[in-house]
Each structure stands twice: as structure tokens, then as C-alpha cells.
């Protein structure tokens, strides 16, 4: 789990747009999570 957060921190550092980072984080979270939790939050 810490490795994933470290990967996300390095991945976010390459982008300057904050909204784009949130979108990418939600996309990866939706793909890595066992259940599509993002569907409930829409």
C-alpha cells in the first residue's frame, strides 16, 4: 500500500493541473478497487 501511494505521489508530480490529478487518481482507484465505489459517489 505505501508503494502505491509513493507511485501516486511521483505520478502527480509530473502534472501541474490539480483537477487532472484528482481525475487520474479516481480512475486508478476505480480500476484497482475490487468494487466500483465511485459509482455510489456520483
Protein backbone atom coordinates (compact mmCIF):
# COMPACT_ATOMS: atom_id res chain seq x y z
CA UNK A 1 0.00 0.00 0.00
CA UNK A 2 2.75 2.57 0.77
CA UNK A 3 4.30 1.70 -2.59
CA UNK A 4 1.05 2.64 -4.32
CA UNK A 5 0.90 5.99 -2.52
CA UNK A 6 4.55 6.62 -3.40
CA UNK A 7 3.74 5.84 -7.04
CA UNK A 8 0.80 8.25 -6.95
CA UNK A 9 2.94 10.98 -5.39
CA UNK A 10 5.53 10.60 -8.15
CA UNK A 11 2.79 10.37 -10.75
CA UNK A 12 1.12 13.58 -9.52
CA UNK A 13 4.42 15.44 -9.51
CA UNK A 14 4.57 15.23 -13.31
CA UNK A 15 1.26 17.08 -13.67
CA UNK A 16 0.53 20.67 -12.69
CA UNK A 17 -3.25 20.63 -13.03
CA UNK A 18 -4.88 19.70 -9.72
CA UNK A 19 -8.22 18.68 -11.25
CA UNK A 20 -6.45 16.36 -13.68
CA UNK A 21 -4.66 14.69 -10.78
CA UNK A 22 -7.94 14.07 -8.96
CA UNK A 23 -9.46 12.59 -12.13
CA UNK A 24 -6.48 10.29 -12.68
CA UNK A 25 -6.48 9.27 -9.01
CA UNK A 26 -10.19 8.41 -9.16
CA UNK A 27 -9.62 6.49 -12.39
CA UNK A 28 -6.81 4.40 -10.91
CA UNK A 29 -8.74 3.95 -7.66
CA UNK A 30 -11.73 2.69 -9.63
CA UNK A 31 -9.57 0.25 -11.59
CA UNK A 32 -7.59 -1.00 -8.57
CA UNK A 33 -10.54 -1.26 -6.18
CA UNK A 34 -12.35 -4.63 -6.05
CA UNK A 35 -15.74 -2.88 -6.25
CA UNK A 36 -16.65 0.22 -8.30
CA UNK A 37 -17.10 2.50 -5.30
CA UNK A 38 -17.02 5.63 -7.49
CA UNK A 39 -20.46 4.72 -8.87
CA UNK A 40 -22.01 5.37 -5.44
CA UNK A 41 -20.34 8.76 -5.15
CA UNK A 42 -21.66 10.14 -8.45
